[in-house]
């Protein structure tokens, strides 16, 4: 099965000594049962939806529900709603559902 990748934003060249190392890290996660690789320590709601559905559309009719588990620190599982982001951890699992309100 082919892993899909999401590019991380460019590292800040004026950051601390560890910044470059973090920017180059690849996190292997699961989205809807499919392996994905991401290069960013944090993903937004929109990022996760696009990993789950290449044809994702954002409008008043389509609703996405995201749950996750095996997450970072004090919130290892939960839900992600539009406008939020979540810190990524190796092996994290996302389930994304698409619903049509029509």
Foldseek 3Di string as FASTA:
>chain_A
DDAAEDQDPDFDPPDDPCRVVLQQDWAWEAEQNHIYIYRDQKDAPVRNVCSNPVPDDDDPFKDKWKWKACFDDPDRIDTHHHPDMGGHDHHIYMYMDIDGND
